[in-house]
Amino acid sequence: MAAVLEYINTDGYRNQRAWKPNDDRRFTALVKCYVQLPGEKKKVIEKPSTRPATFHECCLLAKKLKNEYGNNLKQMVIWDMDEINAISY
């Protein structure tokens, strides 16, 4: 599974799932946030990692983003881009 963490906030129901890699390796992460402000269309915000990250660092970033966007954050997915790139070749 190339997804590392998924957070969903729909209709007041919040759910988070995480898939921890089998090791503590560092990987290139891509965070995709789906944010919808009241009265506006849903926006996609992408935050690529500037350096390889650990699973723990991704969880800390997810917590920060959930606090930053609050209920406006409808979905967030953190992807392991190294795994995606390995699969696509």
PDB file of N, CA and C in Angstrom:
ATOM      1  N   MET A   1       0.857  -1.172   0.000  1.00  0.00           N
ATOM      2  CA  MET A   1       0.000   0.000   0.000  1.00  0.00           C
ATOM      3  C   MET A   1       0.898   1.227   0.000  1.00  0.00           C
ATOM      4  N   ALA A   2       0.681   2.110  -0.917  1.00  0.00           N
ATOM      5  CA  ALA A   2       1.506   3.314  -1.034  1.00  0.00           C
ATOM      6  C   ALA A   2       1.025   4.428  -0.106  1.00  0.00           C
ATOM      7  N   ALA A   3      -0.198   4.343   0.383  1.00  0.00           N
ATOM      8  CA  ALA A   3      -0.680   5.349   1.338  1.00  0.00           C
ATOM      9  C   ALA A   3      -0.102   5.018   2.714  1.00  0.00           C
ATOM     10  N   VAL A   4       0.307   6.050   3.428  1.00  0.00           N
ATOM     11  CA  VAL A   4       0.865   5.870   4.759  1.00  0.00           C
ATOM     12  C   VAL A   4      -0.168   6.230   5.813  1.00  0.00           C
ATOM     13  N   LEU A   5      -0.964   7.277   5.525  1.00  0.00           N
ATOM     14  CA  LEU A   5      -1.962   7.737   6.491  1.00  0.00           C
ATOM     15  C   LEU A   5      -3.120   8.360   5.732  1.00  0.00           C
ATOM     16  N   GLU A   6      -4.338   8.089   6.198  1.00  0.00           N
ATOM     17  CA  GLU A   6      -5.534   8.690   5.597  1.00  0.00           C
ATOM     18  C   GLU A   6      -6.425   9.210   6.730  1.00  0.00           C
ATOM     19  N   TYR A   7      -6.914  10.421   6.550  1.00  0.00           N
ATOM     20  CA  TYR A   7      -7.829  11.044   7.503  1.00  0.00           C
ATOM     21  C   TYR A   7      -9.052  11.508   6.731  1.00  0.00           C
ATOM     22  N   ILE A   8     -10.230  11.170   7.225  1.00  0.00           N
ATOM     23  CA  ILE A   8     -11.475  11.560   6.569  1.00  0.00           C
ATOM     24  C   ILE A   8     -12.368  12.240   7.596  1.00  0.00           C
ATOM     25  N   ASN A   9     -12.962  13.371   7.209  1.00  0.00           N
ATOM     26  CA  ASN A   9     -13.852  14.136   8.070  1.00  0.00           C
ATOM     27  C   ASN A   9     -15.103  14.461   7.251  1.00  0.00           C
ATOM     28  N   THR A  10     -16.092  13.599   7.332  1.00  0.00           N
ATOM     29  CA  THR A  10     -17.330  13.826   6.577  1.00  0.00           C
ATOM     30  C   THR A  10     -18.525  13.747   7.507  1.00  0.00           C
ATOM     31  N   ASP A  11     -19.421  14.684   7.359  1.00  0.00           N
ATOM     32  CA  ASP A  11     -20.673  14.714   8.123  1.00  0.00           C
ATOM     33  C   ASP A  11     -20.458  14.564   9.623  1.00  0.00           C
ATOM     34  N   GLY A  12     -19.396  15.186  10.142  1.00  0.00           N
ATOM     35  CA  GLY A  12     -19.129  15.138  11.569  1.00  0.00           C
ATOM     36  C   GLY A  12     -18.498  13.846  12.045  1.00  0.00           C
ATOM     37  N   TYR A  13     -18.255  12.914  11.133  1.00  0.00           N
ATOM     38  CA  TYR A  13     -17.632  11.641  11.479  1.00  0.00           C
ATOM     39  C   TYR A  13     -16.178  11.678  11.048  1.00  0.00           C
ATOM     40  N   ARG A  14     -15.261  11.511  11.983  1.00  0.00           N
ATOM     41  CA  ARG A  14     -13.829  11.561  11.686  1.00  0.00           C
ATOM     42  C   ARG A  14     -13.227  10.176  11.816  1.00  0.00           C
ATOM     43  N   ASN A  15     -12.406   9.837  10.847  1.00  0.00           N
ATOM     44  CA  ASN A  15     -11.770   8.526  10.850  1.00  0.00           C
ATOM     45  C   ASN A  15     -10.336   8.684  10.366  1.00  0.00           C
ATOM     46  N   GLN A  16      -9.404   8.034  11.035  1.00  0.00           N
ATOM     47  CA  GLN A  16      -8.014   8.047  10.598  1.00  0.00           C
ATOM     48  C   GLN A  16      -7.498   6.626  10.564  1.00  0.00           C
ATOM     49  N   ARG A  17      -6.818   6.299   9.467  1.00  0.00           N
ATOM     50  CA  ARG A  17      -6.181   4.992   9.326  1.00  0.00           C
ATOM     51  C   ARG A  17      -4.718   5.219   8.987  1.00  0.00           C
ATOM     52  N   ALA A  18      -3.861   4.351   9.470  1.00  0.00           N
ATOM     53  CA  ALA A  18      -2.435   4.470   9.181  1.00  0.00           C
ATOM     54  C   ALA A  18      -1.878   3.097   8.833  1.00  0.00           C
ATOM     55  N   TRP A  19      -0.940   3.098   7.900  1.00  0.00           N
ATOM     56  CA  TRP A  19      -0.245   1.886   7.491  1.00  0.00           C
ATOM     57  C   TRP A  19       1.235   2.122   7.698  1.00  0.00           C
ATOM     58  N   LYS A  20       1.752   1.669   8.825  1.00  0.00           N
ATOM     59  CA  LYS A  20       3.165   1.900   9.150  1.00  0.00           C
ATOM     60  C   LYS A  20       4.033   0.956   8.324  1.00  0.00           C
ATOM     61  N   PRO A  21       5.069   1.513   7.705  1.00  0.00           N
ATOM     62  CA  PRO A  21       6.017   0.632   6.997  1.00  0.00           C
ATOM     63  C   PRO A  21       6.631  -0.370   7.967  1.00  0.00           C
ATOM     64  N   ASN A  22       7.106  -1.482   7.441  1.00  0.00           N
ATOM     65  CA  ASN A  22       7.676  -2.543   8.280  1.00  0.00           C
ATOM     66  C   ASN A  22       8.993  -2.149   8.932  1.00  0.00           C
ATOM     67  N   ASP A  23       9.590  -1.084   8.475  1.00  0.00           N
ATOM     68  CA  ASP A  23      10.860  -0.641   9.048  1.00  0.00           C
ATOM     69  C   ASP A  23      10.789   0.861   9.323  1.00  0.00           C
ATOM     70  N   ASP A  24      11.844   1.390   9.852  1.00  0.00           N
ATOM     71  CA  ASP A  24      11.878   2.819  10.179  1.00  0.00           C
ATOM     72  C   ASP A  24      12.593   3.623   9.096  1.00  0.00           C
ATOM     73  N   ARG A  25      12.484   3.183   7.876  1.00  0.00           N
ATOM     74  CA  ARG A  25      13.166   3.867   6.776  1.00  0.00           C
ATOM     75  C   ARG A  25      12.568   5.240   6.518  1.00  0.00           C
ATOM     76  N   ARG A  26      13.340   6.053   5.854  1.00  0.00           N
ATOM     77  CA  ARG A  26      12.874   7.375   5.449  1.00  0.00           C
ATOM     78  C   ARG A  26      12.381   7.269   4.010  1.00  0.00           C
ATOM     79  N   PHE A  27      11.382   8.059   3.665  1.00  0.00           N
ATOM     80  CA  PHE A  27      10.814   8.020   2.320  1.00  0.00           C
ATOM     81  C   PHE A  27      10.356   9.412   1.919  1.00  0.00           C
ATOM     82  N   THR A  28      10.220   9.609   0.619  1.00  0.00           N
ATOM     83  CA  THR A  28       9.714  10.864   0.087  1.00  0.00           C
ATOM     84  C   THR A  28       8.200  10.848   0.249  1.00  0.00           C
ATOM     85  N   ALA A  29       7.674  11.836   0.943  1.00  0.00           N
ATOM     86  CA  ALA A  29       6.238  11.869   1.237  1.00  0.00           C
ATOM     87  C   ALA A  29       5.553  12.974   0.433  1.00  0.00           C
ATOM     88  N   LEU A  30       4.297  12.735   0.106  1.00  0.00           N
ATOM     89  CA  LEU A  30       3.446  13.745  -0.511  1.00  0.00           C
ATOM     90  C   LEU A  30       2.154  13.791   0.291  1.00  0.00           C
ATOM     91  N   VAL A  31       1.831  14.963   0.817  1.00  0.00           N
ATOM     92  CA  VAL A  31       0.612  15.142   1.596  1.00  0.00           C
ATOM     93  C   VAL A  31      -0.405  15.840   0.708  1.00  0.00           C
ATOM     94  N   LYS A  32      -1.577  15.237   0.567  1.00  0.00           N
ATOM     95  CA  LYS A  32      -2.670  15.856  -0.182  1.00  0.00           C
ATOM     96  C   LYS A  32      -3.799  16.141   0.794  1.00  0.00           C
ATOM     97  N   CYS A  33      -4.149  17.417   0.901  1.00  0.00           N
ATOM     98  CA  CYS A  33      -5.239  17.847   1.775  1.00  0.00           C
ATOM     99  C   CYS A  33      -6.387  18.347   0.918  1.00  0.00           C
ATOM    100  N   TYR A  34      -7.583  17.932   1.259  1.00  0.00           N
ATOM    101  CA  TYR A  34      -8.795  18.389   0.585  1.00  0.00           C
ATOM    102  C   TYR A  34      -9.524  19.286   1.588  1.00  0.00           C
ATOM    103  N   VAL A  35      -9.485  20.587   1.321  1.00  0.00           N
ATOM    104  CA  VAL A  35     -10.002  21.582   2.248  1.00  0.00           C
ATOM    105  C   VAL A  35     -11.203  22.271   1.620  1.00  0.00           C
ATOM    106  N   GLN A  36     -12.270  22.426   2.395  1.00  0.00           N
ATOM    107  CA  GLN A  36     -13.464  23.120   1.911  1.00  0.00           C
ATOM    108  C   GLN A  36     -13.896  24.139   2.950  1.00  0.00           C
ATOM    109  N   LEU A  37     -13.718  25.417   2.590  1.00  0.00           N
ATOM    110  CA  LEU A  37     -14.180  26.505   3.446  1.00  0.00           C
ATOM    111  C   LEU A  37     -15.676  26.688   3.240  1.00  0.00           C
ATOM    112  N   PRO A  38     -16.405  27.172   4.218  1.00  0.00           N
ATOM    113  CA  PRO A  38     -17.849  27.366   4.076  1.00  0.00           C
ATOM    114  C   PRO A  38     -18.183  28.235   2.861  1.00  0.00           C
ATOM    115  N   GLY A  39     -19.091  27.741   2.024  1.00  0.00           N
ATOM    116  CA  GLY A  39     -19.542  28.483   0.848  1.00  0.00           C
ATOM    117  C   GLY A  39     -18.594  28.425  -0.333  1.00  0.00           C
ATOM    118  N   GLU A  40     -17.529  27.654  -0.253  1.00  0.00           N
ATOM    119  CA  GLU A  40     -16.565  27.563  -1.346  1.00  0.00           C
ATOM    120  C   GLU A  40     -16.458  26.125  -1.842  1.00  0.00           C
ATOM    121  N   LYS A  41     -15.838  25.985  -3.025  1.00  0.00           N
ATOM    122  CA  LYS A  41     -15.582  24.649  -3.564  1.00  0.00           C
ATOM    123  C   LYS A  41     -14.393  24.029  -2.832  1.00  0.00           C
ATOM    124  N   LYS A  42     -14.332  22.709  -2.881  1.00  0.00           N
ATOM    125  CA  LYS A  42     -13.244  21.984  -2.251  1.00  0.00           C
ATOM    126  C   LYS A  42     -11.936  22.272  -2.991  1.00  0.00           C
ATOM    127  N   LYS A  43     -10.859  22.552  -2.240  1.00  0.00           N
ATOM    128  CA  LYS A  43      -9.541  22.803  -2.808  1.00  0.00           C
ATOM    129  C   LYS A  43      -8.615  21.651  -2.442  1.00  0.00           C
ATOM    130  N   VAL A  44      -7.688  21.359  -3.360  1.00  0.00           N
ATOM    131  CA  VAL A  44      -6.670  20.358  -3.099  1.00  0.00           C
ATOM    132  C   VAL A  44      -5.364  21.091  -2.821  1.00  0.00           C
ATOM    133  N   ILE A  45      -4.767  20.812  -1.687  1.00  0.00           N
ATOM    134  CA  ILE A  45      -3.497  21.410  -1.316  1.00  0.00           C
ATOM    135  C   ILE A  45      -2.474  20.287  -1.231  1.00  0.00           C
ATOM    136  N   GLU A  46      -1.419  20.395  -2.033  1.00  0.00           N
ATOM    137  CA  GLU A  46      -0.360  19.389  -2.032  1.00  0.00           C
ATOM    138  C   GLU A  46       0.865  19.937  -1.328  1.00  0.00           C
ATOM    139  N   LYS A  47       1.433  19.120  -0.461  1.00  0.00           N
ATOM    140  CA  LYS A  47       2.635  19.496   0.267  1.00  0.00           C
ATOM    141  C   LYS A  47       3.662  18.374   0.105  1.00  0.00           C
ATOM    142  N   PRO A  48       4.567  18.509  -0.871  1.00  0.00           N
ATOM    143  CA  PRO A  48       5.612  17.486  -1.019  1.00  0.00           C
ATOM    144  C   PRO A  48       6.691  17.669   0.048  1.00  0.00           C
ATOM    145  N   SER A  49       7.306  16.582   0.448  1.00  0.00           N
ATOM    146  CA  SER A  49       8.367  16.675   1.451  1.00  0.00           C
ATOM    147  C   SER A  49       9.606  17.301   0.820  1.00  0.00           C
ATOM    148  N   THR A  50      10.315  18.068   1.616  1.00  0.00           N
ATOM    149  CA  THR A  50      11.543  18.697   1.141  1.00  0.00           C
ATOM    150  C   THR A  50      12.752  17.807   1.398  1.00  0.00           C
ATOM    151  N   ARG A  51      12.549  16.788   2.207  1.00  0.00           N
ATOM    152  CA  ARG A  51      13.594  15.800   2.506  1.00  0.00           C
ATOM    153  C   ARG A  51      12.888  14.498   2.881  1.00  0.00           C
ATOM    154  N   PRO A  52      13.581  13.379   2.833  1.00  0.00           N
ATOM    155  CA  PRO A  52      12.951  12.122   3.250  1.00  0.00           C
ATOM    156  C   PRO A  52      12.468  12.190   4.693  1.00  0.00           C
ATOM    157  N   ALA A  53      11.287  11.634   4.924  1.00  0.00           N
ATOM    158  CA  ALA A  53      10.650  11.690   6.240  1.00  0.00           C
ATOM    159  C   ALA A  53      10.426  10.289   6.795  1.00  0.00           C
ATOM    160  N   THR A  54      10.252  10.213   8.109  1.00  0.00           N
ATOM    161  CA  THR A  54       9.899   8.953   8.755  1.00  0.00           C
ATOM    162  C   THR A  54       8.378   8.904   8.933  1.00  0.00           C
ATOM    163  N   PHE A  55       7.885   7.737   9.261  1.00  0.00           N
ATOM    164  CA  PHE A  55       6.454   7.590   9.519  1.00  0.00           C
ATOM    165  C   PHE A  55       6.032   8.485  10.684  1.00  0.00           C
ATOM    166  N   HIS A  56       6.846   8.539  11.723  1.00  0.00           N
ATOM    167  CA  HIS A  56       6.539   9.366  12.898  1.00  0.00           C
ATOM    168  C   HIS A  56       6.432  10.845  12.513  1.00  0.00           C
ATOM    169  N   GLU A  57       7.327  11.325  11.672  1.00  0.00           N
ATOM    170  CA  GLU A  57       7.268  12.725  11.225  1.00  0.00           C
ATOM    171  C   GLU A  57       5.999  12.991  10.430  1.00  0.00           C
ATOM    172  N   CYS A  58       5.563  12.020   9.633  1.00  0.00           N
ATOM    173  CA  CYS A  58       4.318  12.168   8.873  1.00  0.00           C
ATOM    174  C   CYS A  58       3.119  12.273   9.817  1.00  0.00           C
ATOM    175  N   CYS A  59       3.118  11.491  10.883  1.00  0.00           N
ATOM    176  CA  CYS A  59       2.021  11.552  11.858  1.00  0.00           C
ATOM    177  C   CYS A  59       1.994  12.901  12.565  1.00  0.00           C
ATOM    178  N   LEU A  60       3.161  13.442  12.888  1.00  0.00           N
ATOM    179  CA  LEU A  60       3.225  14.760  13.521  1.00  0.00           C
ATOM    180  C   LEU A  60       2.711  15.847  12.576  1.00  0.00           C
ATOM    181  N   LEU A  61       3.072  15.754  11.293  1.00  0.00           N
ATOM    182  CA  LEU A  61       2.586  16.719  10.311  1.00  0.00           C
ATOM    183  C   LEU A  61       1.072  16.606  10.153  1.00  0.00           C
ATOM    184  N   ALA A  62       0.551  15.389  10.142  1.00  0.00           N
ATOM    185  CA  ALA A  62      -0.899  15.194  10.032  1.00  0.00           C
ATOM    186  C   ALA A  62      -1.616  15.858  11.201  1.00  0.00           C
ATOM    187  N   LYS A  63      -1.089  15.701  12.401  1.00  0.00           N
ATOM    188  CA  LYS A  63      -1.691  16.323  13.581  1.00  0.00           C
ATOM    189  C   LYS A  63      -1.676  17.848  13.445  1.00  0.00           C
ATOM    190  N   LYS A  64      -0.568  18.392  12.972  1.00  0.00           N
ATOM    191  CA  LYS A  64      -0.448  19.844  12.786  1.00  0.00           C
ATOM    192  C   LYS A  64      -1.460  20.346  11.761  1.00  0.00           C
ATOM    193  N   LEU A  65      -1.604  19.631  10.648  1.00  0.00           N
ATOM    194  CA  LEU A  65      -2.540  20.053   9.604  1.00  0.00           C
ATOM    195  C   LEU A  65      -3.990  19.952  10.067  1.00  0.00           C
ATOM    196  N   LYS A  66      -4.313  18.918  10.850  1.00  0.00           N
ATOM    197  CA  LYS A  66      -5.671  18.794  11.382  1.00  0.00           C
ATOM    198  C   LYS A  66      -5.998  19.971  12.302  1.00  0.00           C
ATOM    199  N   ASN A  67      -5.021  20.386  13.100  1.00  0.00           N
ATOM    200  CA  ASN A  67      -5.229  21.545  13.967  1.00  0.00           C
ATOM    201  C   ASN A  67      -5.329  22.837  13.162  1.00  0.00           C
ATOM    202  N   GLU A  68      -4.516  22.958  12.127  1.00  0.00           N
ATOM    203  CA  GLU A  68      -4.483  24.174  11.313  1.00  0.00           C
ATOM    204  C   GLU A  68      -5.783  24.379  10.540  1.00  0.00           C
ATOM    205  N   TYR A  69      -6.289  23.324   9.903  1.00  0.00           N
ATOM    206  CA  TYR A  69      -7.481  23.454   9.060  1.00  0.00           C
ATOM    207  C   TYR A  69      -8.777  23.155   9.804  1.00  0.00           C
ATOM    208  N   GLY A  70      -8.718  22.458  10.916  1.00  0.00           N
ATOM    209  CA  GLY A  70      -9.907  22.159  11.710  1.00  0.00           C
ATOM    210  C   GLY A  70     -10.957  21.394  10.919  1.00  0.00           C
ATOM    211  N   ASN A  71     -12.230  21.770  11.087  1.00  0.00           N
ATOM    212  CA  ASN A  71     -13.333  21.084  10.399  1.00  0.00           C
ATOM    213  C   ASN A  71     -13.345  21.338   8.904  1.00  0.00           C
ATOM    214  N   ASN A  72     -12.563  22.312   8.424  1.00  0.00           N
ATOM    215  CA  ASN A  72     -12.495  22.569   6.984  1.00  0.00           C
ATOM    216  C   ASN A  72     -11.690  21.501   6.251  1.00  0.00           C
ATOM    217  N   LEU A  73     -10.890  20.728   6.980  1.00  0.00           N
ATOM    218  CA  LEU A  73     -10.128  19.630   6.382  1.00  0.00           C
ATOM    219  C   LEU A  73     -11.062  18.441   6.224  1.00  0.00           C
ATOM    220  N   LYS A  74     -11.410  18.130   4.988  1.00  0.00           N
ATOM    221  CA  LYS A  74     -12.354  17.042   4.720  1.00  0.00           C
ATOM    222  C   LYS A  74     -11.656  15.705   4.517  1.00  0.00           C
ATOM    223  N   GLN A  75     -10.451  15.736   3.932  1.00  0.00           N
ATOM    224  CA  GLN A  75      -9.698  14.499   3.727  1.00  0.00           C
ATOM    225  C   GLN A  75      -8.219  14.837   3.614  1.00  0.00           C
ATOM    226  N   MET A  76      -7.385  13.929   4.096  1.00  0.00           N
ATOM    227  CA  MET A  76      -5.942  14.077   3.964  1.00  0.00           C
ATOM    228  C   MET A  76      -5.364  12.694   3.707  1.00  0.00           C
ATOM    229  N   VAL A  77      -4.467  12.618   2.734  1.00  0.00           N
ATOM    230  CA  VAL A  77      -3.785  11.367   2.439  1.00  0.00           C
ATOM    231  C   VAL A  77      -2.294  11.666   2.362  1.00  0.00           C
ATOM    232  N   ILE A  78      -1.497  10.873   3.047  1.00  0.00           N
ATOM    233  CA  ILE A  78      -0.047  10.992   2.961  1.00  0.00           C
ATOM    234  C   ILE A  78       0.450   9.778   2.184  1.00  0.00           C
ATOM    235  N   TRP A  79       1.143  10.060   1.089  1.00  0.00           N
ATOM    236  CA  TRP A  79       1.611   9.025   0.168  1.00  0.00           C
ATOM    237  C   TRP A  79       3.105   8.793   0.311  1.00  0.00           C
ATOM    238  N   ASP A  80       3.535   7.546   0.160  1.00  0.00           N
ATOM    239  CA  ASP A  80       4.945   7.176   0.071  1.00  0.00           C
ATOM    240  C   ASP A  80       5.304   7.207  -1.410  1.00  0.00           C
ATOM    241  N   MET A  81       5.887   8.303  -1.860  1.00  0.00           N
ATOM    242  CA  MET A  81       6.176   8.475  -3.286  1.00  0.00           C
ATOM    243  C   MET A  81       7.265   7.530  -3.772  1.00  0.00           C
ATOM    244  N   ASP A  82       8.173   7.097  -2.899  1.00  0.00           N
ATOM    245  CA  ASP A  82       9.196   6.140  -3.301  1.00  0.00           C
ATOM    246  C   ASP A  82       8.549   4.818  -3.722  1.00  0.00           C
ATOM    247  N   GLU A  83       7.539   4.391  -2.974  1.00  0.00           N
ATOM    248  CA  GLU A  83       6.843   3.149  -3.296  1.00  0.00           C
ATOM    249  C   GLU A  83       6.022   3.309  -4.585  1.00  0.00           C
ATOM    250  N   ILE A  84       5.375   4.442  -4.753  1.00  0.00           N
ATOM    251  CA  ILE A  84       4.598   4.689  -5.970  1.00  0.00           C
ATOM    252  C   ILE A  84       5.509   4.684  -7.185  1.00  0.00           C
ATOM    253  N   ASN A  85       6.652   5.344  -7.082  1.00  0.00           N
ATOM    254  CA  ASN A  85       7.583   5.381  -8.204  1.00  0.00           C
ATOM    255  C   ASN A  85       8.148   3.994  -8.515  1.00  0.00           C
ATOM    256  N   ALA A  86       8.367   3.173  -7.495  1.00  0.00           N
ATOM    257  CA  ALA A  86       8.875   1.824  -7.719  1.00  0.00           C
ATOM    258  C   ALA A  86       7.843   0.954  -8.420  1.00  0.00           C
ATOM    259  N   ILE A  87       6.560   1.165  -8.116  1.00  0.00           N
ATOM    260  CA  ILE A  87       5.492   0.372  -8.720  1.00  0.00           C
ATOM    261  C   ILE A  87       5.271   0.775 -10.173  1.00  0.00           C
ATOM    262  N   SER A  88       5.401   2.060 -10.455  1.00  0.00           N
ATOM    263  CA  SER A  88       5.052   2.566 -11.795  1.00  0.00           C
ATOM    264  C   SER A  88       6.130   2.303 -12.843  1.00  0.00           C
ATOM    265  N   TYR A  89       7.273   1.768 -12.444  1.00  0.00           N
ATOM    266  CA  TYR A  89       8.326   1.461 -13.442  1.00  0.00           C
ATOM    267  C   TYR A  89       8.344   0.028 -13.792  1.00  0.00           C
TER     268      TYR A  89
END
